[in-house]
Protein backbone atom coordinates (compact mmCIF):
# COMPACT_ATOMS: atom_id res chain seq x y z
CA MET A 1 109.27 101.19 64.13
CA GLU A 2 108.09 103.49 67.09
CA PHE A 3 104.48 103.73 68.43
CA ARG A 4 103.07 106.36 70.61
CA GLU A 5 100.44 105.58 73.28
CA ARG A 6 97.25 107.21 71.96
CA HIS A 7 95.12 106.14 74.67
CA SER A 8 94.79 104.08 78.02
CA TRP A 9 93.14 100.68 77.82
CA ASP A 10 92.25 101.06 81.65
CA VAL A 11 88.67 101.60 80.65
CA ASP A 12 85.21 99.70 81.31
CA PRO A 13 83.58 97.62 78.57
CA SER A 14 81.47 100.36 77.40
CA GLN A 15 84.18 102.87 77.08
CA ALA A 16 86.27 100.17 75.42
CA ARG A 17 83.60 99.81 72.78
CA ALA A 18 83.33 103.51 72.30
CA LEU A 19 87.12 103.73 71.70
CA GLN A 20 87.06 100.81 69.29
CA GLU A 21 84.46 102.74 67.36
CA ALA A 22 86.47 105.76 67.40
CA LEU A 23 89.59 104.10 66.19
CA ALA A 24 87.64 102.20 63.47
CA ALA A 25 86.52 105.54 61.97
CA GLU A 26 90.23 106.51 61.45
CA VAL A 27 90.83 103.37 59.30
CA ASP A 28 91.41 104.25 55.50
CA ALA A 29 89.96 101.46 53.65
CA SER A 30 89.62 103.46 50.33
CA THR A 31 93.30 102.85 49.14
CA PRO A 32 93.96 99.62 47.74
CA LEU A 33 97.21 97.84 49.21
CA GLY A 34 100.02 96.62 47.19
CA PRO A 35 100.98 93.10 46.98
CA TRP A 36 101.92 91.33 50.17
CA GLU A 37 105.11 89.44 50.81
CA THR A 38 105.03 88.60 54.58
CA VAL A 39 102.28 88.64 57.22
CA ALA A 40 103.16 87.73 60.75
CA ALA A 41 101.28 87.82 64.06
CA ALA A 42 101.56 86.62 67.64
CA ASP A 43 99.13 86.41 70.47
CA VAL A 44 100.63 86.01 73.78
CA SER A 45 99.50 85.86 77.31
CA PHE A 46 101.44 85.32 80.72
CA ASN A 47 100.01 84.32 83.94
CA ASN A 48 102.26 85.06 86.89
CA THR A 49 100.54 82.33 89.24
CA ASP A 50 100.84 79.39 86.68
CA SER A 51 103.90 77.38 86.77
CA ARG A 52 103.43 76.18 83.10
């Protein structure tokens, strides 16, 4: 799956809030989803100065 970069996240908090609101307006929640088979997620962080 390919993704295109739609925007930069190099913004201040007020710009980030406005961006989140604009993106939320693009979500189509009117069409019901079919049955789900698999759901997966990952939340990963990396700190270059931590030796752990």
